[in-house]
Amino acid sequence: MTSPQDISADLSAALAAELGVASVTDLARLSGGASRETWGFVADGRRLILQRQRFGDIRDMGVEARVVQAAFNAGVPVP
């Protein structure tokens, strides 16, 4: 498992490069997400969630993201 410090550094770099996010704070591992690591954090004042696939997990998170978006578009409450 990657350390919280490593995750925070990698997350900060990725969000800065992709979205121009200036700060990532309050990174904490959350319970739940049995098939994935789930982390909460604050990025530029917004509370966000990061889910990471566990090593060797072959599930396609892209498919899951499209299903969640379709549910949202249909008016279904989503996380």
PDB file of N, CA and C in Angstrom:
ATOM      1  N   MET A   1       0.841  -1.184   0.000  1.00  0.00           N
ATOM      2  CA  MET A   1       0.000   0.000   0.000  1.00  0.00           C
ATOM      3  C   MET A   1       0.882   1.242   0.000  1.00  0.00           C
ATOM      4  N   THR A   2       0.486   2.228  -0.742  1.00  0.00           N
ATOM      5  CA  THR A   2       1.200   3.492  -0.810  1.00  0.00           C
ATOM      6  C   THR A   2       0.896   4.306   0.441  1.00  0.00           C
ATOM      7  N   SER A   3       1.886   5.045   0.926  1.00  0.00           N
ATOM      8  CA  SER A   3       1.686   5.836   2.143  1.00  0.00           C
ATOM      9  C   SER A   3       0.780   7.035   1.866  1.00  0.00           C
ATOM     10  N   PRO A   4       0.082   7.534   2.892  1.00  0.00           N
ATOM     11  CA  PRO A   4      -0.743   8.736   2.722  1.00  0.00           C
ATOM     12  C   PRO A   4       0.065   9.931   2.216  1.00  0.00           C
ATOM     13  N   GLN A   5       1.319  10.036   2.640  1.00  0.00           N
ATOM     14  CA  GLN A   5       2.159  11.144   2.188  1.00  0.00           C
ATOM     15  C   GLN A   5       2.418  11.048   0.682  1.00  0.00           C
ATOM     16  N   ASP A   6       2.666   9.831   0.196  1.00  0.00           N
ATOM     17  CA  ASP A   6       2.888   9.628  -1.237  1.00  0.00           C
ATOM     18  C   ASP A   6       1.620   9.925  -2.034  1.00  0.00           C
ATOM     19  N   ILE A   7       0.483   9.457  -1.521  1.00  0.00           N
ATOM     20  CA  ILE A   7      -0.789   9.707  -2.203  1.00  0.00           C
ATOM     21  C   ILE A   7      -1.063  11.209  -2.258  1.00  0.00           C
ATOM     22  N   SER A   8      -0.849  11.898  -1.150  1.00  0.00           N
ATOM     23  CA  SER A   8      -1.077  13.343  -1.106  1.00  0.00           C
ATOM     24  C   SER A   8      -0.189  14.078  -2.106  1.00  0.00           C
ATOM     25  N   ALA A   9       1.074  13.706  -2.167  1.00  0.00           N
ATOM     26  CA  ALA A   9       2.002  14.353  -3.100  1.00  0.00           C
ATOM     27  C   ALA A   9       1.604  14.080  -4.548  1.00  0.00           C
ATOM     28  N   ASP A  10       1.283  12.832  -4.862  1.00  0.00           N
ATOM     29  CA  ASP A  10       0.885  12.476  -6.228  1.00  0.00           C
ATOM     30  C   ASP A  10      -0.430  13.155  -6.614  1.00  0.00           C
ATOM     31  N   LEU A  11      -1.376  13.169  -5.682  1.00  0.00           N
ATOM     32  CA  LEU A  11      -2.669  13.799  -5.925  1.00  0.00           C
ATOM     33  C   LEU A  11      -2.505  15.300  -6.146  1.00  0.00           C
ATOM     34  N   SER A  12      -1.697  15.932  -5.317  1.00  0.00           N
ATOM     35  CA  SER A  12      -1.439  17.370  -5.461  1.00  0.00           C
ATOM     36  C   SER A  12      -0.838  17.682  -6.824  1.00  0.00           C
ATOM     37  N   ALA A  13       0.144  16.897  -7.235  1.00  0.00           N
ATOM     38  CA  ALA A  13       0.797  17.121  -8.530  1.00  0.00           C
ATOM     39  C   ALA A  13      -0.180  16.920  -9.686  1.00  0.00           C
ATOM     40  N   ALA A  14      -0.979  15.863  -9.621  1.00  0.00           N
ATOM     41  CA  ALA A  14      -1.920  15.575 -10.706  1.00  0.00           C
ATOM     42  C   ALA A  14      -2.999  16.648 -10.811  1.00  0.00           C
ATOM     43  N   LEU A  15      -3.555  17.061  -9.674  1.00  0.00           N
ATOM     44  CA  LEU A  15      -4.610  18.073  -9.706  1.00  0.00           C
ATOM     45  C   LEU A  15      -4.073  19.439 -10.110  1.00  0.00           C
ATOM     46  N   ALA A  16      -2.852  19.737  -9.725  1.00  0.00           N
ATOM     47  CA  ALA A  16      -2.242  21.007 -10.139  1.00  0.00           C
ATOM     48  C   ALA A  16      -2.036  21.022 -11.651  1.00  0.00           C
ATOM     49  N   ALA A  17      -1.536  19.921 -12.192  1.00  0.00           N
ATOM     50  CA  ALA A  17      -1.257  19.844 -13.626  1.00  0.00           C
ATOM     51  C   ALA A  17      -2.532  19.822 -14.469  1.00  0.00           C
ATOM     52  N   GLU A  18      -3.535  19.073 -14.023  1.00  0.00           N
ATOM     53  CA  GLU A  18      -4.743  18.885 -14.830  1.00  0.00           C
ATOM     54  C   GLU A  18      -5.798  19.965 -14.621  1.00  0.00           C
ATOM     55  N   LEU A  19      -5.922  20.457 -13.370  1.00  0.00           N
ATOM     56  CA  LEU A  19      -7.025  21.363 -13.047  1.00  0.00           C
ATOM     57  C   LEU A  19      -6.587  22.698 -12.466  1.00  0.00           C
ATOM     58  N   GLY A  20      -5.290  22.877 -12.280  1.00  0.00           N
ATOM     59  CA  GLY A  20      -4.804  24.118 -11.698  1.00  0.00           C
ATOM     60  C   GLY A  20      -5.094  24.256 -10.217  1.00  0.00           C
ATOM     61  N   VAL A  21      -5.347  23.140  -9.550  1.00  0.00           N
ATOM     62  CA  VAL A  21      -5.635  23.158  -8.113  1.00  0.00           C
ATOM     63  C   VAL A  21      -4.374  23.559  -7.362  1.00  0.00           C
ATOM     64  N   ALA A  22      -4.527  24.511  -6.442  1.00  0.00           N
ATOM     65  CA  ALA A  22      -3.366  25.032  -5.721  1.00  0.00           C
ATOM     66  C   ALA A  22      -3.040  24.249  -4.458  1.00  0.00           C
ATOM     67  N   SER A  23      -4.062  23.687  -3.803  1.00  0.00           N
ATOM     68  CA  SER A  23      -3.766  22.998  -2.544  1.00  0.00           C
ATOM     69  C   SER A  23      -4.665  21.793  -2.338  1.00  0.00           C
ATOM     70  N   VAL A  24      -4.075  20.761  -1.759  1.00  0.00           N
ATOM     71  CA  VAL A  24      -4.798  19.560  -1.348  1.00  0.00           C
ATOM     72  C   VAL A  24      -4.518  19.377   0.131  1.00  0.00           C
ATOM     73  N   THR A  25      -5.582  19.313   0.935  1.00  0.00           N
ATOM     74  CA  THR A  25      -5.430  19.173   2.381  1.00  0.00           C
ATOM     75  C   THR A  25      -6.383  18.112   2.910  1.00  0.00           C
ATOM     76  N   ASP A  26      -6.197  17.781   4.170  1.00  0.00           N
ATOM     77  CA  ASP A  26      -7.111  16.904   4.915  1.00  0.00           C
ATOM     78  C   ASP A  26      -7.313  15.534   4.272  1.00  0.00           C
ATOM     79  N   LEU A  27      -6.273  14.984   3.658  1.00  0.00           N
ATOM     80  CA  LEU A  27      -6.377  13.650   3.068  1.00  0.00           C
ATOM     81  C   LEU A  27      -6.570  12.629   4.180  1.00  0.00           C
ATOM     82  N   ALA A  28      -7.615  11.810   4.048  1.00  0.00           N
ATOM     83  CA  ALA A  28      -7.895  10.789   5.062  1.00  0.00           C
ATOM     84  C   ALA A  28      -8.505   9.566   4.395  1.00  0.00           C
ATOM     85  N   ARG A  29      -8.046   8.404   4.806  1.00  0.00           N
ATOM     86  CA  ARG A  29      -8.609   7.148   4.307  1.00  0.00           C
ATOM     87  C   ARG A  29      -9.991   6.976   4.904  1.00  0.00           C
ATOM     88  N   LEU A  30     -10.958   6.630   4.073  1.00  0.00           N
ATOM     89  CA  LEU A  30     -12.333   6.462   4.517  1.00  0.00           C
ATOM     90  C   LEU A  30     -12.682   4.986   4.593  1.00  0.00           C
ATOM     91  N   SER A  31     -13.595   4.662   5.486  1.00  0.00           N
ATOM     92  CA  SER A  31     -14.092   3.289   5.536  1.00  0.00           C
ATOM     93  C   SER A  31     -15.064   3.113   4.379  1.00  0.00           C
ATOM     94  N   GLY A  32     -15.357   1.897   4.057  1.00  0.00           N
ATOM     95  CA  GLY A  32     -16.216   1.638   2.909  1.00  0.00           C
ATOM     96  C   GLY A  32     -15.362   1.456   1.670  1.00  0.00           C
ATOM     97  N   GLY A  33     -16.019   1.284   0.542  1.00  0.00           N
ATOM     98  CA  GLY A  33     -15.273   1.062  -0.686  1.00  0.00           C
ATOM     99  C   GLY A  33     -14.514  -0.247  -0.621  1.00  0.00           C
ATOM    100  N   ALA A  34     -15.205  -1.310  -0.294  1.00  0.00           N
ATOM    101  CA  ALA A  34     -14.563  -2.593  -0.029  1.00  0.00           C
ATOM    102  C   ALA A  34     -13.651  -3.070  -1.153  1.00  0.00           C
ATOM    103  N   SER A  35     -14.000  -2.755  -2.386  1.00  0.00           N
ATOM    104  CA  SER A  35     -13.175  -3.241  -3.492  1.00  0.00           C
ATOM    105  C   SER A  35     -12.100  -2.242  -3.906  1.00  0.00           C
ATOM    106  N   ARG A  36     -12.123  -1.044  -3.319  1.00  0.00           N
ATOM    107  CA  ARG A  36     -11.148  -0.005  -3.661  1.00  0.00           C
ATOM    108  C   ARG A  36     -10.718   0.741  -2.411  1.00  0.00           C
ATOM    109  N   GLU A  37      -9.570   1.399  -2.501  1.00  0.00           N
ATOM    110  CA  GLU A  37      -9.169   2.339  -1.459  1.00  0.00           C
ATOM    111  C   GLU A  37      -9.972   3.616  -1.689  1.00  0.00           C
ATOM    112  N   THR A  38     -10.573   4.147  -0.633  1.00  0.00           N
ATOM    113  CA  THR A  38     -11.353   5.375  -0.747  1.00  0.00           C
ATOM    114  C   THR A  38     -10.765   6.415   0.185  1.00  0.00           C
ATOM    115  N   TRP A  39     -10.492   7.606  -0.364  1.00  0.00           N
ATOM    116  CA  TRP A  39      -9.873   8.700   0.379  1.00  0.00           C
ATOM    117  C   TRP A  39     -10.721   9.951   0.219  1.00  0.00           C
ATOM    118  N   GLY A  40     -10.838  10.722   1.294  1.00  0.00           N
ATOM    119  CA  GLY A  40     -11.459  12.032   1.230  1.00  0.00           C
ATOM    120  C   GLY A  40     -10.368  13.084   1.326  1.00  0.00           C
ATOM    121  N   PHE A  41     -10.583  14.225   0.692  1.00  0.00           N
ATOM    122  CA  PHE A  41      -9.613  15.314   0.766  1.00  0.00           C
ATOM    123  C   PHE A  41     -10.304  16.616   0.395  1.00  0.00           C
ATOM    124  N   VAL A  42      -9.621  17.716   0.634  1.00  0.00           N
ATOM    125  CA  VAL A  42     -10.118  19.034   0.261  1.00  0.00           C
ATOM    126  C   VAL A  42      -9.144  19.618  -0.754  1.00  0.00           C
ATOM    127  N   ALA A  43      -9.672  20.070  -1.889  1.00  0.00           N
ATOM    128  CA  ALA A  43      -8.854  20.685  -2.944  1.00  0.00           C
ATOM    129  C   ALA A  43      -9.404  22.075  -3.214  1.00  0.00           C
ATOM    130  N   ASP A  44      -8.603  23.073  -2.903  1.00  0.00           N
ATOM    131  CA  ASP A  44      -9.032  24.469  -3.081  1.00  0.00           C
ATOM    132  C   ASP A  44     -10.406  24.715  -2.466  1.00  0.00           C
ATOM    133  N   GLY A  45     -10.618  24.170  -1.265  1.00  0.00           N
ATOM    134  CA  GLY A  45     -11.856  24.400  -0.531  1.00  0.00           C
ATOM    135  C   GLY A  45     -13.006  23.473  -0.868  1.00  0.00           C
ATOM    136  N   ARG A  46     -12.845  22.603  -1.856  1.00  0.00           N
ATOM    137  CA  ARG A  46     -13.911  21.658  -2.230  1.00  0.00           C
ATOM    138  C   ARG A  46     -13.618  20.288  -1.656  1.00  0.00           C
ATOM    139  N   ARG A  47     -14.608  19.692  -0.998  1.00  0.00           N
ATOM    140  CA  ARG A  47     -14.463  18.334  -0.481  1.00  0.00           C
ATOM    141  C   ARG A  47     -14.653  17.355  -1.638  1.00  0.00           C
ATOM    142  N   LEU A  48     -13.666  16.474  -1.813  1.00  0.00           N
ATOM    143  CA  LEU A  48     -13.688  15.519  -2.915  1.00  0.00           C
ATOM    144  C   LEU A  48     -13.341  14.123  -2.423  1.00  0.00           C
ATOM    145  N   ILE A  49     -13.574  13.150  -3.287  1.00  0.00           N
ATOM    146  CA  ILE A  49     -13.292  11.744  -2.991  1.00  0.00           C
ATOM    147  C   ILE A  49     -12.357  11.195  -4.061  1.00  0.00           C
ATOM    148  N   LEU A  50     -11.394  10.405  -3.636  1.00  0.00           N
ATOM    149  CA  LEU A  50     -10.508   9.672  -4.540  1.00  0.00           C
ATOM    150  C   LEU A  50     -10.737   8.189  -4.298  1.00  0.00           C
ATOM    151  N   GLN A  51     -10.977   7.444  -5.360  1.00  0.00           N
ATOM    152  CA  GLN A  51     -11.029   5.991  -5.252  1.00  0.00           C
ATOM    153  C   GLN A  51      -9.917   5.424  -6.112  1.00  0.00           C
ATOM    154  N   ARG A  52      -9.149   4.533  -5.507  1.00  0.00           N
ATOM    155  CA  ARG A  52      -8.035   3.888  -6.210  1.00  0.00           C
ATOM    156  C   ARG A  52      -8.298   2.401  -6.290  1.00  0.00           C
ATOM    157  N   GLN A  53      -8.063   1.852  -7.478  1.00  0.00           N
ATOM    158  CA  GLN A  53      -8.166   0.406  -7.609  1.00  0.00           C
ATOM    159  C   GLN A  53      -7.041  -0.244  -6.827  1.00  0.00           C
ATOM    160  N   ARG A  54      -7.359  -1.351  -6.221  1.00  0.00           N
ATOM    161  CA  ARG A  54      -6.321  -2.121  -5.546  1.00  0.00           C
ATOM    162  C   ARG A  54      -5.484  -2.831  -6.605  1.00  0.00           C
ATOM    163  N   PHE A  55      -4.237  -3.074  -6.275  1.00  0.00           N
ATOM    164  CA  PHE A  55      -3.336  -3.757  -7.199  1.00  0.00           C
ATOM    165  C   PHE A  55      -3.956  -5.079  -7.629  1.00  0.00           C
ATOM    166  N   GLY A  56      -3.971  -5.315  -8.920  1.00  0.00           N
ATOM    167  CA  GLY A  56      -4.494  -6.566  -9.448  1.00  0.00           C
ATOM    168  C   GLY A  56      -5.984  -6.552  -9.722  1.00  0.00           C
ATOM    169  N   ASP A  57      -6.690  -5.455  -9.372  1.00  0.00           N
ATOM    170  CA  ASP A  57      -8.130  -5.356  -9.614  1.00  0.00           C
ATOM    171  C   ASP A  57      -8.352  -5.050 -11.091  1.00  0.00           C
ATOM    172  N   ILE A  58      -9.199  -5.831 -11.743  1.00  0.00           N
ATOM    173  CA  ILE A  58      -9.388  -5.657 -13.179  1.00  0.00           C
ATOM    174  C   ILE A  58     -10.688  -4.931 -13.522  1.00  0.00           C
ATOM    175  N   ARG A  59     -11.402  -4.422 -12.531  1.00  0.00           N
ATOM    176  CA  ARG A  59     -12.644  -3.704 -12.815  1.00  0.00           C
ATOM    177  C   ARG A  59     -12.342  -2.421 -13.581  1.00  0.00           C
ATOM    178  N   ASP A  60     -13.236  -2.060 -14.450  1.00  0.00           N
ATOM    179  CA  ASP A  60     -13.066  -0.864 -15.271  1.00  0.00           C
ATOM    180  C   ASP A  60     -13.780   0.313 -14.610  1.00  0.00           C
ATOM    181  N   MET A  61     -13.022   1.231 -14.025  1.00  0.00           N
ATOM    182  CA  MET A  61     -13.620   2.378 -13.355  1.00  0.00           C
ATOM    183  C   MET A  61     -14.253   3.338 -14.359  1.00  0.00           C
ATOM    184  N   GLY A  62     -13.794   3.328 -15.602  1.00  0.00           N
ATOM    185  CA  GLY A  62     -14.408   4.170 -16.623  1.00  0.00           C
ATOM    186  C   GLY A  62     -15.856   3.782 -16.868  1.00  0.00           C
ATOM    187  N   VAL A  63     -16.114   2.479 -16.919  1.00  0.00           N
ATOM    188  CA  VAL A  63     -17.484   1.993 -17.093  1.00  0.00           C
ATOM    189  C   VAL A  63     -18.326   2.425 -15.896  1.00  0.00           C
ATOM    190  N   GLU A  64     -17.789   2.252 -14.698  1.00  0.00           N
ATOM    191  CA  GLU A  64     -18.529   2.643 -13.501  1.00  0.00           C
ATOM    192  C   GLU A  64     -18.836   4.138 -13.516  1.00  0.00           C
ATOM    193  N   ALA A  65     -17.873   4.957 -13.912  1.00  0.00           N
ATOM    194  CA  ALA A  65     -18.089   6.408 -13.959  1.00  0.00           C
ATOM    195  C   ALA A  65     -19.206   6.764 -14.941  1.00  0.00           C
ATOM    196  N   ARG A  66     -19.249   6.085 -16.081  1.00  0.00           N
ATOM    197  CA  ARG A  66     -20.309   6.357 -17.057  1.00  0.00           C
ATOM    198  C   ARG A  66     -21.675   5.928 -16.526  1.00  0.00           C
ATOM    199  N   VAL A  67     -21.731   4.835 -15.784  1.00  0.00           N
ATOM    200  CA  VAL A  67     -22.993   4.384 -15.194  1.00  0.00           C
ATOM    201  C   VAL A  67     -23.474   5.389 -14.147  1.00  0.00           C
ATOM    202  N   VAL A  68     -22.571   5.854 -13.299  1.00  0.00           N
ATOM    203  CA  VAL A  68     -22.937   6.846 -12.281  1.00  0.00           C
ATOM    204  C   VAL A  68     -23.420   8.127 -12.956  1.00  0.00           C
ATOM    205  N   GLN A  69     -22.742   8.571 -14.011  1.00  0.00           N
ATOM    206  CA  GLN A  69     -23.159   9.785 -14.730  1.00  0.00           C
ATOM    207  C   GLN A  69     -24.539   9.597 -15.353  1.00  0.00           C
ATOM    208  N   ALA A  70     -24.787   8.438 -15.939  1.00  0.00           N
ATOM    209  CA  ALA A  70     -26.095   8.168 -16.538  1.00  0.00           C
ATOM    210  C   ALA A  70     -27.188   8.173 -15.473  1.00  0.00           C
ATOM    211  N   ALA A  71     -26.898   7.598 -14.313  1.00  0.00           N
ATOM    212  CA  ALA A  71     -27.868   7.613 -13.217  1.00  0.00           C
ATOM    213  C   ALA A  71     -28.153   9.048 -12.784  1.00  0.00           C
ATOM    214  N   PHE A  72     -27.108   9.845 -12.635  1.00  0.00           N
ATOM    215  CA  PHE A  72     -27.266  11.252 -12.259  1.00  0.00           C
ATOM    216  C   PHE A  72     -28.119  11.991 -13.285  1.00  0.00           C
ATOM    217  N   ASN A  73     -27.819  11.782 -14.566  1.00  0.00           N
ATOM    218  CA  ASN A  73     -28.570  12.440 -15.638  1.00  0.00           C
ATOM    219  C   ASN A  73     -30.044  12.050 -15.631  1.00  0.00           C
ATOM    220  N   ALA A  74     -30.347  10.856 -15.116  1.00  0.00           N
ATOM    221  CA  ALA A  74     -31.725  10.376 -15.034  1.00  0.00           C
ATOM    222  C   ALA A  74     -32.415  10.816 -13.745  1.00  0.00           C
ATOM    223  N   GLY A  75     -31.707  11.578 -12.907  1.00  0.00           N
ATOM    224  CA  GLY A  75     -32.311  12.079 -11.676  1.00  0.00           C
ATOM    225  C   GLY A  75     -32.131  11.193 -10.460  1.00  0.00           C
ATOM    226  N   VAL A  76     -31.321  10.170 -10.582  1.00  0.00           N
ATOM    227  CA  VAL A  76     -31.057   9.274  -9.455  1.00  0.00           C
ATOM    228  C   VAL A  76     -29.975   9.902  -8.572  1.00  0.00           C
ATOM    229  N   PRO A  77     -30.186   9.954  -7.236  1.00  0.00           N
ATOM    230  CA  PRO A  77     -29.126  10.480  -6.365  1.00  0.00           C
ATOM    231  C   PRO A  77     -27.876   9.600  -6.459  1.00  0.00           C
ATOM    232  N   VAL A  78     -26.730  10.235  -6.615  1.00  0.00           N
ATOM    233  CA  VAL A  78     -25.464   9.508  -6.708  1.00  0.00           C
ATOM    234  C   VAL A  78     -24.469  10.105  -5.730  1.00  0.00           C
ATOM    235  N   PRO A  79     -23.446   9.336  -5.344  1.00  0.00           N
ATOM    236  CA  PRO A  79     -22.451   9.884  -4.407  1.00  0.00           C
ATOM    237  C   PRO A  79     -21.607  10.976  -5.043  1.00  0.00           C
TER     238      PRO A  79
END
